Amino acid sequence: MWEYVATLEKSVVIGAPVDVVFDYACEPTKMAEWIPSLVEIRDLIGAGAGQQFGWTYKYVGILFSGQTTVVEYVRNEVFVMQSIGAISSVWAMRFAPHAEGTMLTMEVEYNIPLPVLGKLAERLVLKRDTRTLGLALVNVQDALES
């Protein structure tokens, strides 16, 4: 079994105050609204650092489930969650004031066990995942600017 490992980072300026962007992006019950292919969030426990929840995600047509724990939480500045399961990942969201509202930067590092498909498949998956992360940021932007 081969494991695909990637780190992606993208930013967007959102025309809304930092606290509004933080509250929306860091609320697990809202994440399925803006993360493409996130099917559901369930079993939410706690708040802030230590918060936990289960999830189901559809990746390349296959449903994966896992568990997430919020490992860093500084209100209106940083939100980091670590997921374990068939897809393990770390999502770091950083929030900064900007002249036009809020600069939201997302960095995602993830590991996915995949059959050996070669370098071409790896490049195609990376390209797809980069588009997906960009779409997630646009979805947050659209939700808060509409």
N, C-alpha and C. Protein backbone atom coordinates (compact mmCIF):
# COMPACT_ATOMS: atom_id res chain seq x y z
N MET A 1 0.86 -1.19 0.00
CA MET A 1 0.00 0.00 0.00
C MET A 1 0.89 1.24 0.00
N TRP A 2 0.55 2.18 -0.83
CA TRP A 2 1.29 3.41 -0.99
C TRP A 2 0.54 4.52 -0.25
N GLU A 3 1.26 5.46 0.33
CA GLU A 3 0.60 6.56 1.03
C GLU A 3 0.94 7.87 0.34
N TYR A 4 -0.09 8.62 0.01
CA TYR A 4 0.05 9.92 -0.62
C TYR A 4 0.10 10.97 0.48
N VAL A 5 1.14 11.80 0.51
CA VAL A 5 1.31 12.83 1.53
C VAL A 5 1.44 14.17 0.81
N ALA A 6 0.69 15.17 1.28
CA ALA A 6 0.75 16.49 0.65
C ALA A 6 0.54 17.58 1.68
N THR A 7 1.07 18.75 1.37
CA THR A 7 0.81 19.96 2.15
C THR A 7 0.39 21.04 1.17
N LEU A 8 -0.75 21.66 1.44
CA LEU A 8 -1.29 22.71 0.59
C LEU A 8 -1.52 23.95 1.44
N GLU A 9 -1.34 25.12 0.85
CA GLU A 9 -1.62 26.37 1.57
C GLU A 9 -2.21 27.38 0.59
N LYS A 10 -3.27 28.05 1.02
CA LYS A 10 -3.91 29.09 0.22
C LYS A 10 -4.47 30.15 1.17
N SER A 11 -4.64 31.35 0.64
CA SER A 11 -5.21 32.46 1.41
C SER A 11 -6.27 33.18 0.59
N VAL A 12 -7.14 33.87 1.31
CA VAL A 12 -8.16 34.69 0.67
C VAL A 12 -8.48 35.85 1.61
N VAL A 13 -8.84 36.98 1.02
CA VAL A 13 -9.32 38.12 1.80
C VAL A 13 -10.84 38.09 1.76
N ILE A 14 -11.43 38.16 2.94
CA ILE A 14 -12.89 38.09 3.07
C ILE A 14 -13.38 39.43 3.62
N GLY A 15 -14.37 39.98 2.98
CA GLY A 15 -14.91 41.28 3.38
C GLY A 15 -15.83 41.18 4.58
N ALA A 16 -15.27 40.74 5.70
CA ALA A 16 -16.01 40.62 6.96
C ALA A 16 -15.00 40.72 8.11
N PRO A 17 -15.45 41.14 9.29
CA PRO A 17 -14.54 41.24 10.44
C PRO A 17 -13.97 39.89 10.84
N VAL A 18 -12.80 39.93 11.46
CA VAL A 18 -12.10 38.71 11.88
C VAL A 18 -12.99 37.82 12.74
N ASP A 19 -13.71 38.39 13.71
CA ASP A 19 -14.51 37.55 14.61
C ASP A 19 -15.63 36.82 13.86
N VAL A 20 -16.20 37.44 12.83
CA VAL A 20 -17.25 36.81 12.04
C VAL A 20 -16.68 35.65 11.23
N VAL A 21 -15.53 35.88 10.60
CA VAL A 21 -14.89 34.83 9.80
C VAL A 21 -14.46 33.67 10.69
N PHE A 22 -13.85 33.99 11.83
CA PHE A 22 -13.40 32.95 12.77
C PHE A 22 -14.58 32.11 13.25
N ASP A 23 -15.65 32.78 13.70
CA ASP A 23 -16.81 32.05 14.22
C ASP A 23 -17.42 31.11 13.17
N TYR A 24 -17.46 31.55 11.93
CA TYR A 24 -18.04 30.71 10.88
C TYR A 24 -17.11 29.55 10.51
N ALA A 25 -15.86 29.86 10.20
CA ALA A 25 -14.93 28.83 9.71
C ALA A 25 -14.59 27.79 10.78
N CYS A 26 -14.63 28.18 12.05
CA CYS A 26 -14.21 27.28 13.12
C CYS A 26 -15.37 26.56 13.80
N GLU A 27 -16.57 26.73 13.30
CA GLU A 27 -17.73 26.06 13.85
C GLU A 27 -17.94 24.74 13.10
N PRO A 28 -17.66 23.60 13.76
CA PRO A 28 -17.76 22.32 13.06
C PRO A 28 -19.11 22.07 12.38
N THR A 29 -20.21 22.53 12.98
CA THR A 29 -21.52 22.29 12.37
C THR A 29 -21.69 23.05 11.06
N LYS A 30 -20.83 24.03 10.77
CA LYS A 30 -20.89 24.80 9.52
C LYS A 30 -19.91 24.27 8.47
N MET A 31 -18.97 23.42 8.86
CA MET A 31 -17.90 23.02 7.95
C MET A 31 -18.38 22.30 6.70
N ALA A 32 -19.45 21.52 6.81
CA ALA A 32 -19.97 20.83 5.62
C ALA A 32 -20.53 21.82 4.60
N GLU A 33 -20.81 23.06 5.03
CA GLU A 33 -21.29 24.09 4.11
C GLU A 33 -20.17 24.59 3.20
N TRP A 34 -18.94 24.58 3.70
CA TRP A 34 -17.87 25.20 2.92
C TRP A 34 -16.73 24.26 2.51
N ILE A 35 -16.60 23.10 3.13
CA ILE A 35 -15.55 22.16 2.72
C ILE A 35 -16.14 21.21 1.68
N PRO A 36 -15.70 21.33 0.42
CA PRO A 36 -16.23 20.44 -0.61
C PRO A 36 -15.99 18.98 -0.24
N SER A 37 -16.96 18.15 -0.49
CA SER A 37 -16.91 16.69 -0.27
C SER A 37 -17.03 16.28 1.19
N LEU A 38 -17.13 17.22 2.12
CA LEU A 38 -17.39 16.86 3.51
C LEU A 38 -18.87 16.51 3.61
N VAL A 39 -19.16 15.26 3.91
CA VAL A 39 -20.53 14.77 3.90
C VAL A 39 -21.24 15.11 5.20
N GLU A 40 -20.56 14.90 6.34
CA GLU A 40 -21.22 15.18 7.62
C GLU A 40 -20.20 15.37 8.74
N ILE A 41 -20.67 16.09 9.74
CA ILE A 41 -19.98 16.22 11.04
C ILE A 41 -20.93 15.65 12.06
N ARG A 42 -20.41 14.84 13.00
CA ARG A 42 -21.29 14.21 13.99
C ARG A 42 -20.56 14.09 15.33
N ASP A 43 -21.33 13.79 16.36
CA ASP A 43 -20.79 13.50 17.70
C ASP A 43 -19.88 14.60 18.21
N LEU A 44 -20.34 15.84 18.11
CA LEU A 44 -19.58 17.01 18.56
C LEU A 44 -19.50 17.02 20.08
N ILE A 45 -18.27 17.13 20.60
CA ILE A 45 -18.05 17.16 22.05
C ILE A 45 -17.14 18.34 22.37
N GLY A 46 -17.58 19.20 23.30
CA GLY A 46 -16.74 20.27 23.80
C GLY A 46 -16.68 21.49 22.90
N ALA A 47 -15.76 22.40 23.26
CA ALA A 47 -15.55 23.63 22.50
C ALA A 47 -14.10 24.06 22.70
N GLY A 48 -13.60 24.84 21.76
CA GLY A 48 -12.22 25.32 21.86
C GLY A 48 -11.21 24.20 21.77
N ALA A 49 -10.02 24.42 22.34
CA ALA A 49 -8.98 23.39 22.33
C ALA A 49 -9.52 22.14 23.03
N GLY A 50 -9.33 21.00 22.41
CA GLY A 50 -9.84 19.74 22.95
C GLY A 50 -11.17 19.31 22.37
N GLN A 51 -11.85 20.20 21.67
CA GLN A 51 -13.12 19.85 21.04
C GLN A 51 -12.90 18.66 20.11
N GLN A 52 -13.89 17.76 20.02
CA GLN A 52 -13.79 16.58 19.17
C GLN A 52 -15.07 16.40 18.38
N PHE A 53 -14.92 15.79 17.20
CA PHE A 53 -16.08 15.44 16.40
C PHE A 53 -15.70 14.38 15.38
N GLY A 54 -16.71 13.62 14.95
CA GLY A 54 -16.53 12.65 13.89
C GLY A 54 -16.91 13.26 12.57
N TRP A 55 -16.44 12.66 11.48
CA TRP A 55 -16.75 13.18 10.15
C TRP A 55 -16.79 12.05 9.13
N THR A 56 -17.46 12.36 8.02
CA THR A 56 -17.44 11.51 6.84
C THR A 56 -17.10 12.41 5.66
N TYR A 57 -16.16 11.96 4.84
CA TYR A 57 -15.64 12.75 3.72
C TYR A 57 -15.61 11.87 2.48
N LYS A 58 -16.03 12.42 1.36
CA LYS A 58 -16.00 11.68 0.10
C LYS A 58 -14.79 12.13 -0.70
N TYR A 59 -13.87 11.20 -0.91
CA TYR A 59 -12.62 11.51 -1.60
C TYR A 59 -12.46 10.56 -2.77
N VAL A 60 -12.28 11.11 -3.96
CA VAL A 60 -12.21 10.34 -5.21
C VAL A 60 -13.29 9.26 -5.27
N GLY A 61 -14.50 9.63 -4.87
CA GLY A 61 -15.64 8.74 -4.98
C GLY A 61 -15.80 7.72 -3.86
N ILE A 62 -14.92 7.74 -2.87
CA ILE A 62 -14.95 6.78 -1.76
C ILE A 62 -15.25 7.52 -0.46
N LEU A 63 -16.15 6.96 0.36
CA LEU A 63 -16.46 7.56 1.66
C LEU A 63 -15.43 7.12 2.70
N PHE A 64 -14.89 8.10 3.42
CA PHE A 64 -13.95 7.87 4.51
C PHE A 64 -14.53 8.48 5.77
N SER A 65 -14.27 7.85 6.92
CA SER A 65 -14.71 8.40 8.20
C SER A 65 -13.50 8.57 9.10
N GLY A 66 -13.65 9.45 10.08
CA GLY A 66 -12.56 9.67 11.02
C GLY A 66 -13.00 10.52 12.19
N GLN A 67 -12.03 10.90 12.98
CA GLN A 67 -12.24 11.67 14.20
C GLN A 67 -11.29 12.86 14.19
N THR A 68 -11.78 14.01 14.61
CA THR A 68 -10.97 15.23 14.66
C THR A 68 -10.93 15.77 16.08
N THR A 69 -9.76 16.30 16.45
CA THR A 69 -9.58 17.00 17.72
C THR A 69 -8.98 18.37 17.42
N VAL A 70 -9.53 19.41 18.04
CA VAL A 70 -8.96 20.75 17.93
C VAL A 70 -7.75 20.79 18.85
N VAL A 71 -6.58 21.03 18.27
CA VAL A 71 -5.34 20.98 19.05
C VAL A 71 -4.78 22.35 19.38
N GLU A 72 -5.25 23.38 18.68
CA GLU A 72 -4.84 24.76 19.02
C GLU A 72 -6.01 25.68 18.71
N TYR A 73 -6.29 26.57 19.67
CA TYR A 73 -7.44 27.47 19.52
C TYR A 73 -7.09 28.78 20.20
N VAL A 74 -6.86 29.81 19.39
CA VAL A 74 -6.66 31.16 19.90
C VAL A 74 -7.68 32.02 19.18
N ARG A 75 -8.72 32.41 19.91
CA ARG A 75 -9.85 33.11 19.30
C ARG A 75 -9.40 34.25 18.40
N ASN A 76 -9.95 34.26 17.20
CA ASN A 76 -9.72 35.28 16.17
C ASN A 76 -8.30 35.30 15.62
N GLU A 77 -7.49 34.26 15.95
CA GLU A 77 -6.12 34.21 15.43
C GLU A 77 -5.79 32.88 14.76
N VAL A 78 -5.99 31.77 15.49
CA VAL A 78 -5.57 30.48 14.94
C VAL A 78 -6.50 29.36 15.41
N PHE A 79 -6.72 28.42 14.51
CA PHE A 79 -7.55 27.24 14.80
C PHE A 79 -6.88 26.08 14.09
N VAL A 80 -6.43 25.09 14.85
CA VAL A 80 -5.75 23.93 14.26
C VAL A 80 -6.48 22.68 14.71
N MET A 81 -6.83 21.84 13.73
CA MET A 81 -7.49 20.58 14.05
C MET A 81 -6.72 19.43 13.42
N GLN A 82 -6.65 18.34 14.17
CA GLN A 82 -5.94 17.15 13.72
C GLN A 82 -6.94 16.01 13.59
N SER A 83 -6.90 15.35 12.43
CA SER A 83 -7.83 14.26 12.16
C SER A 83 -7.09 12.94 12.03
N ILE A 84 -7.74 11.89 12.54
CA ILE A 84 -7.22 10.54 12.36
C ILE A 84 -8.32 9.70 11.72
N GLY A 85 -7.91 8.69 11.02
CA GLY A 85 -8.84 7.82 10.32
C GLY A 85 -8.19 7.39 9.02
N ALA A 86 -8.98 6.99 8.05
CA ALA A 86 -8.44 6.57 6.76
C ALA A 86 -7.68 7.72 6.09
N ILE A 87 -8.15 8.94 6.32
CA ILE A 87 -7.44 10.14 5.88
C ILE A 87 -7.00 10.86 7.15
N SER A 88 -5.71 10.93 7.38
CA SER A 88 -5.23 11.70 8.53
C SER A 88 -4.76 13.05 8.02
N SER A 89 -5.04 14.10 8.80
CA SER A 89 -4.71 15.44 8.33
C SER A 89 -4.55 16.40 9.50
N VAL A 90 -3.93 17.53 9.19
CA VAL A 90 -3.88 18.67 10.10
C VAL A 90 -4.31 19.88 9.28
N TRP A 91 -5.35 20.55 9.75
CA TRP A 91 -5.84 21.78 9.13
C TRP A 91 -5.48 22.93 10.05
N ALA A 92 -4.72 23.89 9.56
CA ALA A 92 -4.38 25.09 10.33
C ALA A 92 -5.02 26.28 9.63
N MET A 93 -5.85 27.01 10.36
CA MET A 93 -6.47 28.22 9.83
C MET A 93 -5.95 29.40 10.62
N ARG A 94 -5.45 30.39 9.91
CA ARG A 94 -4.93 31.59 10.55
C ARG A 94 -5.73 32.79 10.06
N PHE A 95 -6.05 33.67 10.98
CA PHE A 95 -6.92 34.81 10.73
C PHE A 95 -6.16 36.09 11.05
N ALA A 96 -6.18 37.07 10.15
CA ALA A 96 -5.49 38.33 10.39
C ALA A 96 -6.33 39.49 9.86
N PRO A 97 -6.36 40.59 10.61
CA PRO A 97 -7.07 41.76 10.10
C PRO A 97 -6.44 42.22 8.77
N HIS A 98 -7.27 42.73 7.90
CA HIS A 98 -6.83 43.20 6.58
C HIS A 98 -7.62 44.47 6.27
N ALA A 99 -7.08 45.35 5.47
CA ALA A 99 -7.76 46.60 5.12
C ALA A 99 -9.17 46.35 4.56
N GLU A 100 -9.36 45.20 3.90
CA GLU A 100 -10.66 44.90 3.31
C GLU A 100 -11.47 43.91 4.14
N GLY A 101 -11.02 43.58 5.35
CA GLY A 101 -11.75 42.66 6.22
C GLY A 101 -10.81 41.72 6.94
N THR A 102 -10.73 40.47 6.46
CA THR A 102 -9.94 39.43 7.12
C THR A 102 -9.15 38.64 6.10
N MET A 103 -7.87 38.41 6.39
CA MET A 103 -7.07 37.49 5.59
C MET A 103 -7.17 36.13 6.27
N LEU A 104 -7.74 35.15 5.55
CA LEU A 104 -7.84 33.78 6.05
C LEU A 104 -6.85 32.93 5.27
N THR A 105 -5.93 32.30 6.00
CA THR A 105 -4.95 31.41 5.39
C THR A 105 -5.21 30.01 5.92
N MET A 106 -5.31 29.06 4.99
CA MET A 106 -5.49 27.65 5.37
C MET A 106 -4.30 26.86 4.88
N GLU A 107 -3.76 26.06 5.79
CA GLU A 107 -2.71 25.11 5.44
C GLU A 107 -3.22 23.72 5.82
N VAL A 108 -3.18 22.81 4.86
CA VAL A 108 -3.67 21.46 5.09
C VAL A 108 -2.55 20.49 4.76
N GLU A 109 -2.24 19.64 5.73
CA GLU A 109 -1.28 18.55 5.51
C GLU A 109 -2.04 17.25 5.72
N TYR A 110 -1.94 16.35 4.76
CA TYR A 110 -2.74 15.13 4.86
C TYR A 110 -2.01 13.93 4.27
N ASN A 111 -2.41 12.75 4.75
CA ASN A 111 -1.88 11.47 4.29
C ASN A 111 -3.07 10.61 3.88
N ILE A 112 -2.97 10.02 2.70
CA ILE A 112 -4.05 9.16 2.21
C ILE A 112 -3.44 7.87 1.68
N PRO A 113 -3.88 6.73 2.21
CA PRO A 113 -3.39 5.47 1.64
C PRO A 113 -4.06 5.22 0.29
N LEU A 114 -3.25 5.09 -0.75
CA LEU A 114 -3.78 4.85 -2.10
C LEU A 114 -2.99 3.71 -2.74
N PRO A 115 -3.63 2.99 -3.65
CA PRO A 115 -2.87 1.99 -4.40
C PRO A 115 -1.78 2.69 -5.22
N VAL A 116 -0.75 2.00 -5.56
CA VAL A 116 0.33 2.58 -6.36
C VAL A 116 -0.22 2.91 -7.74
N LEU A 117 -0.25 4.21 -8.04
CA LEU A 117 -0.78 4.66 -9.32
C LEU A 117 0.27 5.40 -10.15
N GLY A 118 1.42 5.67 -9.56
CA GLY A 118 2.48 6.34 -10.29
C GLY A 118 2.46 7.84 -10.13
N LYS A 119 3.49 8.48 -10.67
CA LYS A 119 3.68 9.93 -10.52
C LYS A 119 2.59 10.73 -11.22
N LEU A 120 2.09 10.26 -12.35
CA LEU A 120 1.03 11.00 -13.04
C LEU A 120 -0.20 11.11 -12.17
N ALA A 121 -0.61 10.01 -11.55
CA ALA A 121 -1.77 10.03 -10.66
C ALA A 121 -1.51 10.95 -9.47
N GLU A 122 -0.30 10.93 -8.93
CA GLU A 122 0.03 11.80 -7.80
C GLU A 122 -0.13 13.26 -8.19
N ARG A 123 0.35 13.63 -9.38
CA ARG A 123 0.21 15.03 -9.83
C ARG A 123 -1.26 15.40 -10.03
N LEU A 124 -2.06 14.47 -10.57
CA LEU A 124 -3.48 14.74 -10.78
C LEU A 124 -4.21 14.92 -9.45
N VAL A 125 -3.89 14.09 -8.46
CA VAL A 125 -4.52 14.20 -7.15
C VAL A 125 -4.13 15.53 -6.50
N LEU A 126 -2.86 15.91 -6.59
CA LEU A 126 -2.41 17.17 -6.00
C LEU A 126 -3.12 18.36 -6.66
N LYS A 127 -3.26 18.31 -7.98
CA LYS A 127 -3.95 19.39 -8.70
C LYS A 127 -5.41 19.47 -8.25
N ARG A 128 -6.07 18.32 -8.12
CA ARG A 128 -7.46 18.28 -7.68
C ARG A 128 -7.60 18.83 -6.27
N ASP A 129 -6.71 18.41 -5.37
CA ASP A 129 -6.78 18.84 -3.98
C ASP A 129 -6.49 20.33 -3.83
N THR A 130 -5.61 20.87 -4.66
CA THR A 130 -5.32 22.30 -4.64
C THR A 130 -6.56 23.08 -5.05
N ARG A 131 -7.26 22.62 -6.09
CA ARG A 131 -8.52 23.27 -6.50
C ARG A 131 -9.57 23.19 -5.39
N THR A 132 -9.65 22.04 -4.73
CA THR A 132 -10.63 21.84 -3.66
C THR A 132 -10.38 22.80 -2.50
N LEU A 133 -9.11 22.99 -2.12
CA LEU A 133 -8.79 23.93 -1.04
C LEU A 133 -9.15 25.35 -1.45
N GLY A 134 -8.85 25.71 -2.68
CA GLY A 134 -9.24 27.03 -3.18
C GLY A 134 -10.74 27.23 -3.15
N LEU A 135 -11.49 26.19 -3.53
CA LEU A 135 -12.95 26.26 -3.50
C LEU A 135 -13.46 26.41 -2.07
N ALA A 136 -12.84 25.74 -1.12
CA ALA A 136 -13.24 25.87 0.29
C ALA A 136 -13.12 27.32 0.74
N LEU A 137 -12.02 27.97 0.39
CA LEU A 137 -11.84 29.38 0.77
C LEU A 137 -12.88 30.27 0.09
N VAL A 138 -13.14 30.03 -1.18
CA VAL A 138 -14.16 30.81 -1.90
C VAL A 138 -15.53 30.58 -1.27
N ASN A 139 -15.81 29.37 -0.83
CA ASN A 139 -17.09 29.08 -0.19
C ASN A 139 -17.25 29.88 1.11
N VAL A 140 -16.19 29.98 1.92
CA VAL A 140 -16.25 30.80 3.13
C VAL A 140 -16.48 32.26 2.74
N GLN A 141 -15.73 32.71 1.76
CA GLN A 141 -15.86 34.10 1.29
C GLN A 141 -17.29 34.37 0.82
N ASP A 142 -17.83 33.50 -0.02
CA ASP A 142 -19.19 33.68 -0.54
C ASP A 142 -20.23 33.68 0.59
N ALA A 143 -20.08 32.78 1.55
CA ALA A 143 -21.06 32.69 2.64
C ALA A 143 -21.07 33.97 3.48
N LEU A 144 -19.90 34.58 3.66
CA LEU A 144 -19.83 35.73 4.56
C LEU A 144 -19.96 37.07 3.85
N GLU A 145 -19.81 37.08 2.53
CA GLU A 145 -19.94 38.34 1.80
C GLU A 145 -21.28 38.50 1.11
N SER A 146 -22.11 37.43 1.14
CA SER A 146 -23.40 37.52 0.44
C SER A 146 -24.46 38.17 1.29
